[in-house]
Amino acid sequence: MKTYLRVFVMLMMFGAQSVCAMDKTLALPPDWYPESLAVGSAGMYVGSWRQGSVVLLPRHGGNPIMLIAPGANGLSNTQGLLVDEKRKRLWVCSGDLGYTTVPIHPSALLAFNLSTGEPIRRYEFPGGGYCNDLAMDRKGFIYVTDSRHPRVLRLTAEAAELEVWKDDVAFALDNNGFTVNGIAIEDQHIYVSAVAAVPYIFRLDVLANGDAGKVEKVEFSRPLKNADAIRSLGNGKLLIFESNAFGKEGAYGGQISLANLKTKELSILVTGLNDPSSGLVLDKRVYFIESKYSLLFRAKPDDTNTVPLKVPFDVQSIELHD
């Protein structure tokens, strides 16, 4: 594996400008059930799918700081996060599947002040949908996956509302009622993962006029275990977080893999994880979370009295070897 000198590119996609080293393991509040994390100059941001909130893990260490209060601006299930240092915003996908300690509101893209956590705005999905994950290009355009429809939406720097950037039947996979999941940008390509356990991800070119090109499949040698977040490492490599959300291997069937887009090879970096839904790369380490959704899904979405309490969570990491 080559040394990842282009980790800087990935960090810029998260809006990080000056990030110092973090501890190898970072504690999260109990019962946090994280779904996504992102990094910025102040530290690492981790959302709670159950508590509808976001904490900041400071770059200089210390206890997690509650940045976004539970349920703020109608935040329900905290999904994908995106740090936007230039506009001083934290972009958050809010889901509406239940299992939360806060009221459920329709899924939307939310904007918060990056420093204070104060709500700025809600961006509703046209015709409804499910805001899952998001990525930002060099122009500041934000691309968002809709897991209830076969489409990717976009918010341009000038636009006041989300627009449908690509709607394609190629995304319409019959798997528990969901379609697309994670998203990453590399050069002029946008990569999108499918919720289904399939041996490929999708690739779209961004055309010169900004429109979406044809949806193509990047085939791998084996099926992915319900690929969730995907992260670009540059040089034709992606990290794929295989949550195993609908798998039959039990709670610890998740894994993180390195995908070589040139050779179509998949290398497993760590396995035996409980729903590793997301992660990032910082200082040649892969930081990741275990969402432990199986503990939630034992209960009904509107009655979570049977969910176990004081479940520990943390952000773990492994070295990204040369």
Foldseek 3Di string as FASTA:
>chain_A
DDDLPQLVVLLVFQVADAADDADQKFWDAFPQLWQEWGAYNQAIWTHRQAQQFIWGQGRVGDHTHGQAHGCAPNAHGWAAWGHRVVVQKIKTWGFFQFLYPDDGDFTWIWIARNPRRHGDDTAADVVGFGFHYWTADPQRKIWTDGFQFQFIWIDGPPDPHIDTQDHDCVQVDPDPNTGWAAWEDDDQKIWIATQDFAQWIWIWGQDPVRGTHDIDTQGAPGTALRWHYWTDSPPQKIKTWRQNPVPDPPQFATFIWIARSVVRYIHTDDGRAGRFRYWGDDPQKTKTWHSNCVLSVVDHRHDRPNRDTRHIIMIHIDGNDD
